[in-house]
Amino acid sequence: MKRIGVDFNTLTSEPIGLIKIASPEEMAEDADSELALLEQGERVVLWEPGLEAEGTILLEDGWILARPDPTTYVDTPLDERYLQELPPALR
């Protein structure tokens, strides 16, 4: 299963409940991206520092989106290098 870096915060913007992976503009700028190889309905691992989940790829109006499976959310350990970049109050 492919592992895709995402921003889970995009779940709260329209369309709500979907992760926005790439816009049509982003895909036009980087048509050779590995993201261009994603297929409708493909299962992937969605990842950001500290969190990952499985999801299903949706291709809509040039957008690459993903619907996360809420039963697969897993907290993952943060890399020590990432922790050093956080303000002390958040470590």
PDB file of N, CA and C in Angstrom:
ATOM      1  N   MET A   1       0.853  -1.174   0.000  1.00  0.00           N
ATOM      2  CA  MET A   1       0.000   0.000   0.000  1.00  0.00           C
ATOM      3  C   MET A   1       0.902   1.241   0.000  1.00  0.00           C
ATOM      4  N   LYS A   2       0.566   2.198  -0.843  1.00  0.00           N
ATOM      5  CA  LYS A   2       1.356   3.430  -0.919  1.00  0.00           C
ATOM      6  C   LYS A   2       1.138   4.269   0.336  1.00  0.00           C
ATOM      7  N   ARG A   3       2.182   4.966   0.744  1.00  0.00           N
ATOM      8  CA  ARG A   3       2.126   5.851   1.915  1.00  0.00           C
ATOM      9  C   ARG A   3       2.219   7.291   1.418  1.00  0.00           C
ATOM     10  N   ILE A   4       1.171   8.084   1.694  1.00  0.00           N
ATOM     11  CA  ILE A   4       1.059   9.436   1.171  1.00  0.00           C
ATOM     12  C   ILE A   4       1.114  10.439   2.321  1.00  0.00           C
ATOM     13  N   GLY A   5       2.001  11.426   2.229  1.00  0.00           N
ATOM     14  CA  GLY A   5       2.054  12.500   3.213  1.00  0.00           C
ATOM     15  C   GLY A   5       0.880  13.445   3.015  1.00  0.00           C
ATOM     16  N   VAL A   6       0.140  13.725   4.086  1.00  0.00           N
ATOM     17  CA  VAL A   6      -1.058  14.577   3.996  1.00  0.00           C
ATOM     18  C   VAL A   6      -1.103  15.546   5.169  1.00  0.00           C
ATOM     19  N   ASP A   7      -2.081  16.429   5.131  1.00  0.00           N
ATOM     20  CA  ASP A   7      -2.390  17.331   6.245  1.00  0.00           C
ATOM     21  C   ASP A   7      -3.807  16.991   6.704  1.00  0.00           C
ATOM     22  N   PHE A   8      -3.917  16.300   7.835  1.00  0.00           N
ATOM     23  CA  PHE A   8      -5.234  15.895   8.335  1.00  0.00           C
ATOM     24  C   PHE A   8      -6.124  17.093   8.668  1.00  0.00           C
ATOM     25  N   ASN A   9      -5.555  18.276   8.823  1.00  0.00           N
ATOM     26  CA  ASN A   9      -6.358  19.469   9.093  1.00  0.00           C
ATOM     27  C   ASN A   9      -7.286  19.815   7.940  1.00  0.00           C
ATOM     28  N   THR A  10      -6.985  19.316   6.735  1.00  0.00           N
ATOM     29  CA  THR A  10      -7.844  19.628   5.596  1.00  0.00           C
ATOM     30  C   THR A  10      -9.195  18.908   5.667  1.00  0.00           C
ATOM     31  N   LEU A  11      -9.361  18.009   6.620  1.00  0.00           N
ATOM     32  CA  LEU A  11     -10.651  17.327   6.802  1.00  0.00           C
ATOM     33  C   LEU A  11     -11.783  18.300   7.100  1.00  0.00           C
ATOM     34  N   THR A  12     -11.457  19.448   7.673  1.00  0.00           N
ATOM     35  CA  THR A  12     -12.495  20.384   8.120  1.00  0.00           C
ATOM     36  C   THR A  12     -12.864  21.438   7.079  1.00  0.00           C
ATOM     37  N   SER A  13     -12.171  21.451   5.937  1.00  0.00           N
ATOM     38  CA  SER A  13     -12.539  22.389   4.866  1.00  0.00           C
ATOM     39  C   SER A  13     -13.407  21.656   3.835  1.00  0.00           C
ATOM     40  N   GLU A  14     -14.143  22.437   3.030  1.00  0.00           N
ATOM     41  CA  GLU A  14     -15.026  21.829   2.018  1.00  0.00           C
ATOM     42  C   GLU A  14     -14.213  21.069   0.974  1.00  0.00           C
ATOM     43  N   PRO A  15     -14.623  19.919   0.561  1.00  0.00           N
ATOM     44  CA  PRO A  15     -15.696  19.108   1.112  1.00  0.00           C
ATOM     45  C   PRO A  15     -15.278  18.476   2.442  1.00  0.00           C
ATOM     46  N   ILE A  16     -16.071  18.715   3.464  1.00  0.00           N
ATOM     47  CA  ILE A  16     -15.762  18.244   4.821  1.00  0.00           C
ATOM     48  C   ILE A  16     -15.706  16.722   4.855  1.00  0.00           C
ATOM     49  N   GLY A  17     -14.722  16.231   5.595  1.00  0.00           N
ATOM     50  CA  GLY A  17     -14.572  14.786   5.762  1.00  0.00           C
ATOM     51  C   GLY A  17     -13.640  14.131   4.764  1.00  0.00           C
ATOM     52  N   LEU A  18     -13.104  14.931   3.825  1.00  0.00           N
ATOM     53  CA  LEU A  18     -12.146  14.409   2.858  1.00  0.00           C
ATOM     54  C   LEU A  18     -10.819  15.134   3.025  1.00  0.00           C
ATOM     55  N   ILE A  19      -9.740  14.394   2.883  1.00  0.00           N
ATOM     56  CA  ILE A  19      -8.405  14.989   2.941  1.00  0.00           C
ATOM     57  C   ILE A  19      -8.034  15.462   1.544  1.00  0.00           C
ATOM     58  N   LYS A  20      -7.592  16.704   1.471  1.00  0.00           N
ATOM     59  CA  LYS A  20      -7.180  17.279   0.191  1.00  0.00           C
ATOM     60  C   LYS A  20      -5.687  16.992  -0.003  1.00  0.00           C
ATOM     61  N   ILE A  21      -5.385  16.152  -0.986  1.00  0.00           N
ATOM     62  CA  ILE A  21      -3.997  15.758  -1.232  1.00  0.00           C
ATOM     63  C   ILE A  21      -3.347  16.687  -2.252  1.00  0.00           C
ATOM     64  N   ALA A  22      -4.038  16.953  -3.360  1.00  0.00           N
ATOM     65  CA  ALA A  22      -3.473  17.841  -4.388  1.00  0.00           C
ATOM     66  C   ALA A  22      -4.594  18.492  -5.180  1.00  0.00           C
ATOM     67  N   SER A  23      -4.414  19.777  -5.463  1.00  0.00           N
ATOM     68  CA  SER A  23      -5.385  20.538  -6.254  1.00  0.00           C
ATOM     69  C   SER A  23      -5.060  20.374  -7.742  1.00  0.00           C
ATOM     70  N   PRO A  24      -5.989  20.754  -8.612  1.00  0.00           N
ATOM     71  CA  PRO A  24      -5.688  20.713 -10.049  1.00  0.00           C
ATOM     72  C   PRO A  24      -4.454  21.550 -10.405  1.00  0.00           C
ATOM     73  N   GLU A  25      -4.294  22.712  -9.741  1.00  0.00           N
ATOM     74  CA  GLU A  25      -3.139  23.571 -10.012  1.00  0.00           C
ATOM     75  C   GLU A  25      -1.832  22.885  -9.617  1.00  0.00           C
ATOM     76  N   GLU A  26      -1.838  22.230  -8.458  1.00  0.00           N
ATOM     77  CA  GLU A  26      -0.634  21.521  -8.010  1.00  0.00           C
ATOM     78  C   GLU A  26      -0.285  20.380  -8.968  1.00  0.00           C
ATOM     79  N   MET A  27      -1.298  19.689  -9.449  1.00  0.00           N
ATOM     80  CA  MET A  27      -1.046  18.583 -10.371  1.00  0.00           C
ATOM     81  C   MET A  27      -0.542  19.097 -11.718  1.00  0.00           C
ATOM     82  N   ALA A  28      -1.024  20.248 -12.162  1.00  0.00           N
ATOM     83  CA  ALA A  28      -0.565  20.822 -13.427  1.00  0.00           C
ATOM     84  C   ALA A  28       0.908  21.212 -13.340  1.00  0.00           C
ATOM     85  N   GLU A  29       1.331  21.702 -12.179  1.00  0.00           N
ATOM     86  CA  GLU A  29       2.728  22.109 -11.979  1.00  0.00           C
ATOM     87  C   GLU A  29       3.654  20.913 -11.884  1.00  0.00           C
ATOM     88  N   ASP A  30       3.135  19.774 -11.402  1.00  0.00           N
ATOM     89  CA  ASP A  30       3.980  18.603 -11.180  1.00  0.00           C
ATOM     90  C   ASP A  30       3.299  17.356 -11.724  1.00  0.00           C
ATOM     91  N   ALA A  31       3.063  17.335 -13.021  1.00  0.00           N
ATOM     92  CA  ALA A  31       2.350  16.232 -13.663  1.00  0.00           C
ATOM     93  C   ALA A  31       3.109  14.909 -13.569  1.00  0.00           C
ATOM     94  N   ASP A  32       4.415  14.971 -13.337  1.00  0.00           N
ATOM     95  CA  ASP A  32       5.209  13.752 -13.223  1.00  0.00           C
ATOM     96  C   ASP A  32       5.259  13.217 -11.796  1.00  0.00           C
ATOM     97  N   SER A  33       4.534  13.848 -10.899  1.00  0.00           N
ATOM     98  CA  SER A  33       4.509  13.444  -9.503  1.00  0.00           C
ATOM     99  C   SER A  33       3.969  12.020  -9.361  1.00  0.00           C
ATOM    100  N   GLU A  34       4.422  11.329  -8.322  1.00  0.00           N
ATOM    101  CA  GLU A  34       3.880  10.000  -8.021  1.00  0.00           C
ATOM    102  C   GLU A  34       2.390  10.072  -7.733  1.00  0.00           C
ATOM    103  N   LEU A  35       1.912  11.243  -7.310  1.00  0.00           N
ATOM    104  CA  LEU A  35       0.490  11.397  -7.033  1.00  0.00           C
ATOM    105  C   LEU A  35      -0.338  11.185  -8.304  1.00  0.00           C
ATOM    106  N   ALA A  36       0.232  11.506  -9.464  1.00  0.00           N
ATOM    107  CA  ALA A  36      -0.485  11.335 -10.725  1.00  0.00           C
ATOM    108  C   ALA A  36      -0.769   9.864 -11.020  1.00  0.00           C
ATOM    109  N   LEU A  37      -0.074   8.967 -10.350  1.00  0.00           N
ATOM    110  CA  LEU A  37      -0.263   7.535 -10.567  1.00  0.00           C
ATOM    111  C   LEU A  37      -1.367   6.950  -9.690  1.00  0.00           C
ATOM    112  N   LEU A  38      -1.891   7.745  -8.754  1.00  0.00           N
ATOM    113  CA  LEU A  38      -2.955   7.243  -7.888  1.00  0.00           C
ATOM    114  C   LEU A  38      -4.221   7.016  -8.698  1.00  0.00           C
ATOM    115  N   GLU A  39      -4.975   5.975  -8.314  1.00  0.00           N
ATOM    116  CA  GLU A  39      -6.180   5.615  -9.044  1.00  0.00           C
ATOM    117  C   GLU A  39      -7.412   5.717  -8.164  1.00  0.00           C
ATOM    118  N   GLN A  40      -8.536   6.027  -8.786  1.00  0.00           N
ATOM    119  CA  GLN A  40      -9.823   6.080  -8.092  1.00  0.00           C
ATOM    120  C   GLN A  40     -10.044   4.769  -7.330  1.00  0.00           C
ATOM    121  N   GLY A  41     -10.398   4.877  -6.052  1.00  0.00           N
ATOM    122  CA  GLY A  41     -10.695   3.701  -5.242  1.00  0.00           C
ATOM    123  C   GLY A  41      -9.493   2.998  -4.641  1.00  0.00           C
ATOM    124  N   GLU A  42      -8.292   3.460  -4.976  1.00  0.00           N
ATOM    125  CA  GLU A  42      -7.073   2.828  -4.453  1.00  0.00           C
ATOM    126  C   GLU A  42      -6.971   3.043  -2.942  1.00  0.00           C
ATOM    127  N   ARG A  43      -6.583   2.004  -2.213  1.00  0.00           N
ATOM    128  CA  ARG A  43      -6.357   2.097  -0.772  1.00  0.00           C
ATOM    129  C   ARG A  43      -4.918   2.530  -0.534  1.00  0.00           C
ATOM    130  N   VAL A  44      -4.739   3.504   0.361  1.00  0.00           N
ATOM    131  CA  VAL A  44      -3.413   4.035   0.679  1.00  0.00           C
ATOM    132  C   VAL A  44      -3.314   4.253   2.185  1.00  0.00           C
ATOM    133  N   VAL A  45      -2.094   4.472   2.658  1.00  0.00           N
ATOM    134  CA  VAL A  45      -1.863   4.903   4.030  1.00  0.00           C
ATOM    135  C   VAL A  45      -1.661   6.410   3.992  1.00  0.00           C
ATOM    136  N   LEU A  46      -2.469   7.135   4.744  1.00  0.00           N
ATOM    137  CA  LEU A  46      -2.370   8.590   4.857  1.00  0.00           C
ATOM    138  C   LEU A  46      -1.534   8.883   6.091  1.00  0.00           C
ATOM    139  N   TRP A  47      -0.540   9.771   5.965  1.00  0.00           N
ATOM    140  CA  TRP A  47       0.424   9.957   7.041  1.00  0.00           C
ATOM    141  C   TRP A  47       0.763  11.415   7.236  1.00  0.00           C
ATOM    142  N   GLU A  48       0.905  11.822   8.485  1.00  0.00           N
ATOM    143  CA  GLU A  48       1.540  13.069   8.877  1.00  0.00           C
ATOM    144  C   GLU A  48       2.259  12.786  10.186  1.00  0.00           C
ATOM    145  N   PRO A  49       3.215  13.619  10.588  1.00  0.00           N
ATOM    146  CA  PRO A  49       3.925  13.334  11.835  1.00  0.00           C
ATOM    147  C   PRO A  49       2.955  13.140  13.000  1.00  0.00           C
ATOM    148  N   GLY A  50       3.025  11.981  13.605  1.00  0.00           N
ATOM    149  CA  GLY A  50       2.214  11.676  14.779  1.00  0.00           C
ATOM    150  C   GLY A  50       0.908  10.957  14.513  1.00  0.00           C
ATOM    151  N   LEU A  51       0.528  10.790  13.238  1.00  0.00           N
ATOM    152  CA  LEU A  51      -0.771  10.187  12.936  1.00  0.00           C
ATOM    153  C   LEU A  51      -0.752   9.532  11.563  1.00  0.00           C
ATOM    154  N   GLU A  52      -1.390   8.358  11.476  1.00  0.00           N
ATOM    155  CA  GLU A  52      -1.613   7.755  10.171  1.00  0.00           C
ATOM    156  C   GLU A  52      -2.918   6.989  10.184  1.00  0.00           C
ATOM    157  N   ALA A  53      -3.467   6.785   8.990  1.00  0.00           N
ATOM    158  CA  ALA A  53      -4.712   6.047   8.813  1.00  0.00           C
ATOM    159  C   ALA A  53      -4.762   5.537   7.379  1.00  0.00           C
ATOM    160  N   GLU A  54      -5.515   4.483   7.173  1.00  0.00           N
ATOM    161  CA  GLU A  54      -5.759   4.021   5.823  1.00  0.00           C
ATOM    162  C   GLU A  54      -6.860   4.874   5.215  1.00  0.00           C
ATOM    163  N   GLY A  55      -6.844   4.995   3.897  1.00  0.00           N
ATOM    164  CA  GLY A  55      -7.872   5.779   3.223  1.00  0.00           C
ATOM    165  C   GLY A  55      -8.072   5.309   1.797  1.00  0.00           C
ATOM    166  N   THR A  56      -9.108   5.836   1.182  1.00  0.00           N
ATOM    167  CA  THR A  56      -9.449   5.508  -0.192  1.00  0.00           C
ATOM    168  C   THR A  56      -9.320   6.762  -1.052  1.00  0.00           C
ATOM    169  N   ILE A  57      -8.621   6.636  -2.174  1.00  0.00           N
ATOM    170  CA  ILE A  57      -8.401   7.763  -3.090  1.00  0.00           C
ATOM    171  C   ILE A  57      -9.676   8.067  -3.877  1.00  0.00           C
ATOM    172  N   LEU A  58      -9.964   9.366  -3.993  1.00  0.00           N
ATOM    173  CA  LEU A  58     -11.072   9.864  -4.814  1.00  0.00           C
ATOM    174  C   LEU A  58     -10.505  10.895  -5.777  1.00  0.00           C
ATOM    175  N   LEU A  59     -10.852  10.794  -7.039  1.00  0.00           N
ATOM    176  CA  LEU A  59     -10.422  11.750  -8.057  1.00  0.00           C
ATOM    177  C   LEU A  59     -11.659  12.511  -8.501  1.00  0.00           C
ATOM    178  N   GLU A  60     -11.718  13.818  -8.167  1.00  0.00           N
ATOM    179  CA  GLU A  60     -12.902  14.618  -8.469  1.00  0.00           C
ATOM    180  C   GLU A  60     -12.511  15.987  -9.011  1.00  0.00           C
ATOM    181  N   ASP A  61     -12.935  16.290 -10.213  1.00  0.00           N
ATOM    182  CA  ASP A  61     -12.709  17.604 -10.836  1.00  0.00           C
ATOM    183  C   ASP A  61     -11.245  18.027 -10.791  1.00  0.00           C
ATOM    184  N   GLY A  62     -10.342  17.094 -11.029  1.00  0.00           N
ATOM    185  CA  GLY A  62      -8.917  17.389 -11.029  1.00  0.00           C
ATOM    186  C   GLY A  62      -8.256  17.320  -9.669  1.00  0.00           C
ATOM    187  N   TRP A  63      -9.043  17.227  -8.613  1.00  0.00           N
ATOM    188  CA  TRP A  63      -8.521  17.124  -7.256  1.00  0.00           C
ATOM    189  C   TRP A  63      -8.175  15.675  -6.936  1.00  0.00           C
ATOM    190  N   ILE A  64      -7.128  15.499  -6.136  1.00  0.00           N
ATOM    191  CA  ILE A  64      -6.850  14.192  -5.549  1.00  0.00           C
ATOM    192  C   ILE A  64      -7.234  14.314  -4.079  1.00  0.00           C
ATOM    193  N   LEU A  65      -8.213  13.521  -3.678  1.00  0.00           N
ATOM    194  CA  LEU A  65      -8.754  13.540  -2.324  1.00  0.00           C
ATOM    195  C   LEU A  65      -8.629  12.144  -1.726  1.00  0.00           C
ATOM    196  N   ALA A  66      -8.831  12.051  -0.423  1.00  0.00           N
ATOM    197  CA  ALA A  66      -8.858  10.740   0.217  1.00  0.00           C
ATOM    198  C   ALA A  66      -9.916  10.743   1.314  1.00  0.00           C
ATOM    199  N   ARG A  67     -10.629   9.637   1.394  1.00  0.00           N
ATOM    200  CA  ARG A  67     -11.590   9.437   2.476  1.00  0.00           C
ATOM    201  C   ARG A  67     -10.921   8.517   3.503  1.00  0.00           C
ATOM    202  N   PRO A  68     -10.548   9.055   4.674  1.00  0.00           N
ATOM    203  CA  PRO A  68      -9.883   8.217   5.670  1.00  0.00           C
ATOM    204  C   PRO A  68     -10.864   7.222   6.296  1.00  0.00           C
ATOM    205  N   ASP A  69     -10.351   6.072   6.653  1.00  0.00           N
ATOM    206  CA  ASP A  69     -11.127   5.056   7.362  1.00  0.00           C
ATOM    207  C   ASP A  69     -10.936   5.307   8.853  1.00  0.00           C
ATOM    208  N   PRO A  70     -11.962   5.804   9.546  1.00  0.00           N
ATOM    209  CA  PRO A  70     -11.793   6.177  10.955  1.00  0.00           C
ATOM    210  C   PRO A  70     -11.443   5.010  11.871  1.00  0.00           C
ATOM    211  N   THR A  71     -11.647   3.780  11.422  1.00  0.00           N
ATOM    212  CA  THR A  71     -11.307   2.622  12.266  1.00  0.00           C
ATOM    213  C   THR A  71      -9.822   2.293  12.222  1.00  0.00           C
ATOM    214  N   THR A  72      -9.064   3.008  11.376  1.00  0.00           N
ATOM    215  CA  THR A  72      -7.642   2.678  11.223  1.00  0.00           C
ATOM    216  C   THR A  72      -6.693   3.754  11.749  1.00  0.00           C
ATOM    217  N   TYR A  73      -7.209   4.802  12.388  1.00  0.00           N
ATOM    218  CA  TYR A  73      -6.342   5.861  12.909  1.00  0.00           C
ATOM    219  C   TYR A  73      -5.372   5.290  13.937  1.00  0.00           C
ATOM    220  N   VAL A  74      -4.096   5.657  13.802  1.00  0.00           N
ATOM    221  CA  VAL A  74      -3.058   5.202  14.726  1.00  0.00           C
ATOM    222  C   VAL A  74      -2.158   6.381  15.059  1.00  0.00           C
ATOM    223  N   ASP A  75      -1.967   6.636  16.350  1.00  0.00           N
ATOM    224  CA  ASP A  75      -0.968   7.619  16.764  1.00  0.00           C
ATOM    225  C   ASP A  75       0.403   6.999  16.560  1.00  0.00           C
ATOM    226  N   THR A  76       1.310   7.744  15.951  1.00  0.00           N
ATOM    227  CA  THR A  76       2.656   7.235  15.708  1.00  0.00           C
ATOM    228  C   THR A  76       3.664   8.101  16.456  1.00  0.00           C
ATOM    229  N   PRO A  77       4.768   7.492  16.890  1.00  0.00           N
ATOM    230  CA  PRO A  77       5.777   8.283  17.603  1.00  0.00           C
ATOM    231  C   PRO A  77       6.363   9.366  16.702  1.00  0.00           C
ATOM    232  N   LEU A  78       6.604  10.519  17.287  1.00  0.00           N
ATOM    233  CA  LEU A  78       7.239  11.607  16.544  1.00  0.00           C
ATOM    234  C   LEU A  78       8.742  11.405  16.520  1.00  0.00           C
ATOM    235  N   ASP A  79       9.327  11.668  15.392  1.00  0.00           N
ATOM    236  CA  ASP A  79      10.763  11.601  15.217  1.00  0.00           C
ATOM    237  C   ASP A  79      11.426  12.631  16.135  1.00  0.00           C
ATOM    238  N   GLU A  80      12.526  12.286  16.753  1.00  0.00           N
ATOM    239  CA  GLU A  80      13.230  13.182  17.674  1.00  0.00           C
ATOM    240  C   GLU A  80      13.595  14.508  16.998  1.00  0.00           C
ATOM    241  N   ARG A  81      13.977  14.455  15.748  1.00  0.00           N
ATOM    242  CA  ARG A  81      14.315  15.667  14.985  1.00  0.00           C
ATOM    243  C   ARG A  81      13.096  16.594  14.884  1.00  0.00           C
ATOM    244  N   TYR A  82      11.925  16.019  14.655  1.00  0.00           N
ATOM    245  CA  TYR A  82      10.693  16.809  14.580  1.00  0.00           C
ATOM    246  C   TYR A  82      10.380  17.430  15.938  1.00  0.00           C
ATOM    247  N   LEU A  83      10.572  16.667  17.001  1.00  0.00           N
ATOM    248  CA  LEU A  83      10.293  17.182  18.343  1.00  0.00           C
ATOM    249  C   LEU A  83      11.166  18.378  18.689  1.00  0.00           C
ATOM    250  N   GLN A  84      12.399  18.382  18.225  1.00  0.00           N
ATOM    251  CA  GLN A  84      13.315  19.491  18.512  1.00  0.00           C
ATOM    252  C   GLN A  84      12.857  20.789  17.850  1.00  0.00           C
ATOM    253  N   GLU A  85      12.080  20.680  16.769  1.00  0.00           N
ATOM    254  CA  GLU A  85      11.601  21.857  16.072  1.00  0.00           C
ATOM    255  C   GLU A  85      10.377  22.481  16.747  1.00  0.00           C
ATOM    256  N   LEU A  86       9.727  21.737  17.639  1.00  0.00           N
ATOM    257  CA  LEU A  86       8.541  22.242  18.315  1.00  0.00           C
ATOM    258  C   LEU A  86       8.917  23.198  19.437  1.00  0.00           C
ATOM    259  N   PRO A  87       8.068  24.180  19.706  1.00  0.00           N
ATOM    260  CA  PRO A  87       8.310  25.049  20.866  1.00  0.00           C
ATOM    261  C   PRO A  87       8.294  24.196  22.143  1.00  0.00           C
ATOM    262  N   PRO A  88       9.079  24.571  23.148  1.00  0.00           N
ATOM    263  CA  PRO A  88       9.160  23.777  24.378  1.00  0.00           C
ATOM    264  C   PRO A  88       7.797  23.442  24.994  1.00  0.00           C
ATOM    265  N   ALA A  89       6.834  24.337  24.911  1.00  0.00           N
ATOM    266  CA  ALA A  89       5.528  24.080  25.515  1.00  0.00           C
ATOM    267  C   ALA A  89       4.775  22.937  24.835  1.00  0.00           C
ATOM    268  N   LEU A  90       5.153  22.599  23.610  1.00  0.00           N
ATOM    269  CA  LEU A  90       4.453  21.554  22.874  1.00  0.00           C
ATOM    270  C   LEU A  90       5.178  20.214  22.870  1.00  0.00           C
ATOM    271  N   ARG A  91       6.350  20.163  23.458  1.00  0.00           N
ATOM    272  CA  ARG A  91       7.132  18.903  23.462  1.00  0.00           C
ATOM    273  C   ARG A  91       6.595  17.924  24.470  1.00  0.00           C
TER     274      ARG A  91
END
